[in-house]
């Protein structure tokens, strides 16, 4: 699945969440609430990474939980990019190009 397909899948889930939130709460999440949700997912991911590295108690479903949290974080990034009108693919390519040049320049010193 390419980035465009991941994006389309993320948007379908986003729309379902909007529908569910409208039905249950009478409103949809704001961009700020999506960011807070992402921060929670990153915190959960951090705990799982610490467990994988031996700094926390390992969960019996560690690998599955790690996969789930990474997917949740990716979903949040895709949705935040959508909500802010960012072409994530172009931004990623540009940023990786800039980083490659910067790192290569430092290595060439």
C-alpha atoms as a PDB file:
ATOM      1  CA  UNK A   1       0.000   0.000   0.000  1.00  0.00           C
ATOM      2  CA  UNK A   2       1.491   3.345  -1.054  1.00  0.00           C
ATOM      3  CA  UNK A   3       1.218   6.650   0.737  1.00  0.00           C
ATOM      4  CA  UNK A   4      -1.804   7.744  -1.299  1.00  0.00           C
ATOM      5  CA  UNK A   5      -3.650   4.537  -0.370  1.00  0.00           C
ATOM      6  CA  UNK A   6      -2.672   4.949   3.284  1.00  0.00           C
ATOM      7  CA  UNK A   7      -3.950   8.520   3.126  1.00  0.00           C
ATOM      8  CA  UNK A   8      -7.276   7.439   1.636  1.00  0.00           C
ATOM      9  CA  UNK A   9      -7.672   4.725   4.276  1.00  0.00           C
ATOM     10  CA  UNK A  10      -6.861   7.227   7.046  1.00  0.00           C
ATOM     11  CA  UNK A  11      -9.460   9.636   5.673  1.00  0.00           C
ATOM     12  CA  UNK A  12     -12.133   6.917   5.674  1.00  0.00           C
ATOM     13  CA  UNK A  13     -11.464   6.248   9.357  1.00  0.00           C
ATOM     14  CA  UNK A  14     -11.379  10.008  10.032  1.00  0.00           C
ATOM     15  CA  UNK A  15     -14.807  10.380   8.432  1.00  0.00           C
ATOM     16  CA  UNK A  16     -16.178   7.465  10.463  1.00  0.00           C
ATOM     17  CA  UNK A  17     -14.860   9.059  13.666  1.00  0.00           C
ATOM     18  CA  UNK A  18     -16.488  12.356  12.652  1.00  0.00           C
ATOM     19  CA  UNK A  19     -19.800  10.570  12.128  1.00  0.00           C
ATOM     20  CA  UNK A  20     -19.501   8.726  15.446  1.00  0.00           C
ATOM     21  CA  UNK A  21     -18.525  11.875  17.352  1.00  0.00           C
ATOM     22  CA  UNK A  22     -21.391  13.840  15.807  1.00  0.00           C
ATOM     23  CA  UNK A  23     -23.826  11.117  16.841  1.00  0.00           C
ATOM     24  CA  UNK A  24     -22.443  10.643  20.358  1.00  0.00           C
ATOM     25  CA  UNK A  25     -21.237  14.172  21.231  1.00  0.00           C
ATOM     26  CA  UNK A  26     -22.846  16.500  18.716  1.00  0.00           C
ATOM     27  CA  UNK A  27     -19.495  17.705  17.390  1.00  0.00           C
ATOM     28  CA  UNK A  28     -16.310  16.519  15.697  1.00  0.00           C
ATOM     29  CA  UNK A  29     -12.756  16.702  17.004  1.00  0.00           C
ATOM     30  CA  UNK A  30     -10.841  19.919  16.465  1.00  0.00           C
ATOM     31  CA  UNK A  31      -7.304  19.971  15.103  1.00  0.00           C
ATOM     32  CA  UNK A  32      -6.103  20.581  18.645  1.00  0.00           C
ATOM     33  CA  UNK A  33      -7.924  17.477  19.880  1.00  0.00           C
ATOM     34  CA  UNK A  34      -6.352  15.414  17.105  1.00  0.00           C
ATOM     35  CA  UNK A  35      -2.957  16.691  18.232  1.00  0.00           C
ATOM     36  CA  UNK A  36      -3.697  15.753  21.842  1.00  0.00           C
ATOM     37  CA  UNK A  37      -4.780  12.285  20.702  1.00  0.00           C
ATOM     38  CA  UNK A  38      -1.526  11.953  18.764  1.00  0.00           C
ATOM     39  CA  UNK A  39       0.459  12.970  21.841  1.00  0.00           C
ATOM     40  CA  UNK A  40      -1.319  10.238  23.814  1.00  0.00           C
ATOM     41  CA  UNK A  41      -0.472   7.690  21.122  1.00  0.00           C
ATOM     42  CA  UNK A  42       3.182   8.798  21.135  1.00  0.00           C
ATOM     43  CA  UNK A  43       3.229   8.383  24.919  1.00  0.00           C
ATOM     44  CA  UNK A  44       1.809   4.868  24.570  1.00  0.00           C
ATOM     45  CA  UNK A  45       4.402   4.132  21.895  1.00  0.00           C
ATOM     46  CA  UNK A  46       7.188   5.376  24.163  1.00  0.00           C
ATOM     47  CA  UNK A  47       6.087   3.006  26.937  1.00  0.00           C
ATOM     48  CA  UNK A  48       6.076   0.072  24.525  1.00  0.00           C
ATOM     49  CA  UNK A  49       9.540   0.955  23.206  1.00  0.00           C
ATOM     50  CA  UNK A  50      10.841   1.193  26.770  1.00  0.00           C
ATOM     51  CA  UNK A  51       9.383  -2.249  27.463  1.00  0.00           C
ATOM     52  CA  UNK A  52      10.975  -3.665  24.319  1.00  0.00           C
ATOM     53  CA  UNK A  53      14.318  -2.245  25.464  1.00  0.00           C
ATOM     54  CA  UNK A  54      13.988  -3.687  28.978  1.00  0.00           C
ATOM     55  CA  UNK A  55      13.290  -0.455  30.868  1.00  0.00           C
ATOM     56  CA  UNK A  56       9.644  -1.339  31.622  1.00  0.00           C
ATOM     57  CA  UNK A  57       7.653  -4.491  32.147  1.00  0.00           C
ATOM     58  CA  UNK A  58       7.101  -6.285  28.854  1.00  0.00           C
ATOM     59  CA  UNK A  59       3.492  -6.866  27.844  1.00  0.00           C
ATOM     60  CA  UNK A  60       2.565 -10.334  26.597  1.00  0.00           C
ATOM     61  CA  UNK A  61       1.168  -8.728  23.426  1.00  0.00           C
ATOM     62  CA  UNK A  62       4.222  -6.474  23.050  1.00  0.00           C
ATOM     63  CA  UNK A  63       4.823  -6.866  19.316  1.00  0.00           C
ATOM     64  CA  UNK A  64       1.128  -6.565  18.433  1.00  0.00           C
ATOM     65  CA  UNK A  65       0.770  -3.528  20.718  1.00  0.00           C
ATOM     66  CA  UNK A  66       3.862  -1.929  19.174  1.00  0.00           C
ATOM     67  CA  UNK A  67       2.464  -2.472  15.669  1.00  0.00           C
ATOM     68  CA  UNK A  68      -0.882  -1.001  16.739  1.00  0.00           C
ATOM     69  CA  UNK A  69       0.642   2.139  18.282  1.00  0.00           C
ATOM     70  CA  UNK A  70       2.930   2.757  15.310  1.00  0.00           C
ATOM     71  CA  UNK A  71      -0.115   2.473  13.021  1.00  0.00           C
ATOM     72  CA  UNK A  72      -2.096   4.836  15.300  1.00  0.00           C
ATOM     73  CA  UNK A  73       0.742   7.372  15.165  1.00  0.00           C
ATOM     74  CA  UNK A  74       0.946   7.127  11.382  1.00  0.00           C
ATOM     75  CA  UNK A  75      -2.831   7.638  11.168  1.00  0.00           C
ATOM     76  CA  UNK A  76      -2.566  10.750  13.319  1.00  0.00           C
ATOM     77  CA  UNK A  77       0.262  12.181  11.204  1.00  0.00           C
ATOM     78  CA  UNK A  78      -1.719  11.554   8.006  1.00  0.00           C
ATOM     79  CA  UNK A  79      -4.831  13.198   9.460  1.00  0.00           C
ATOM     80  CA  UNK A  80      -2.948  16.189  10.871  1.00  0.00           C
ATOM     81  CA  UNK A  81      -1.320  16.729   7.470  1.00  0.00           C
ATOM     82  CA  UNK A  82      -4.773  16.569   5.875  1.00  0.00           C
ATOM     83  CA  UNK A  83      -6.297  18.933   8.429  1.00  0.00           C
ATOM     84  CA  UNK A  84      -3.515  21.482   7.810  1.00  0.00           C
ATOM     85  CA  UNK A  85      -3.539  21.094   4.013  1.00  0.00           C
ATOM     86  CA  UNK A  86      -0.023  19.658   3.837  1.00  0.00           C
ATOM     87  CA  UNK A  87       1.062  17.461   0.953  1.00  0.00           C
ATOM     88  CA  UNK A  88       2.897  15.011   3.178  1.00  0.00           C
ATOM     89  CA  UNK A  89       4.581  13.145   0.344  1.00  0.00           C
ATOM     90  CA  UNK A  90       6.113  16.330  -1.082  1.00  0.00           C
ATOM     91  CA  UNK A  91       7.062  17.563   2.383  1.00  0.00           C
ATOM     92  CA  UNK A  92       8.704  14.234   3.202  1.00  0.00           C
ATOM     93  CA  UNK A  93      10.695  14.117  -0.041  1.00  0.00           C
ATOM     94  CA  UNK A  94      11.817  17.740   0.406  1.00  0.00           C
ATOM     95  CA  UNK A  95      12.741  17.252   4.065  1.00  0.00           C
ATOM     96  CA  UNK A  96      14.666  14.030   3.433  1.00  0.00           C
ATOM     97  CA  UNK A  97      16.547  15.739   0.598  1.00  0.00           C
ATOM     98  CA  UNK A  98      17.447  18.645   2.868  1.00  0.00           C
ATOM     99  CA  UNK A  99      18.580  16.282   5.622  1.00  0.00           C
ATOM    100  CA  UNK A 100      20.650  14.205   3.227  1.00  0.00           C
ATOM    101  CA  UNK A 101      22.460  17.327   2.000  1.00  0.00           C
ATOM    102  CA  UNK A 102      23.023  18.652   5.517  1.00  0.00           C
ATOM    103  CA  UNK A 103      24.294  15.349   6.891  1.00  0.00           C
ATOM    104  CA  UNK A 104      26.464  14.656   3.846  1.00  0.00           C
ATOM    105  CA  UNK A 105      28.012  18.135   4.133  1.00  0.00           C
ATOM    106  CA  UNK A 106      28.914  17.471   7.760  1.00  0.00           C
ATOM    107  CA  UNK A 107      30.356  14.063   6.904  1.00  0.00           C
ATOM    108  CA  UNK A 108      32.477  15.581   4.124  1.00  0.00           C
ATOM    109  CA  UNK A 109      34.241  17.981   6.522  1.00  0.00           C
END
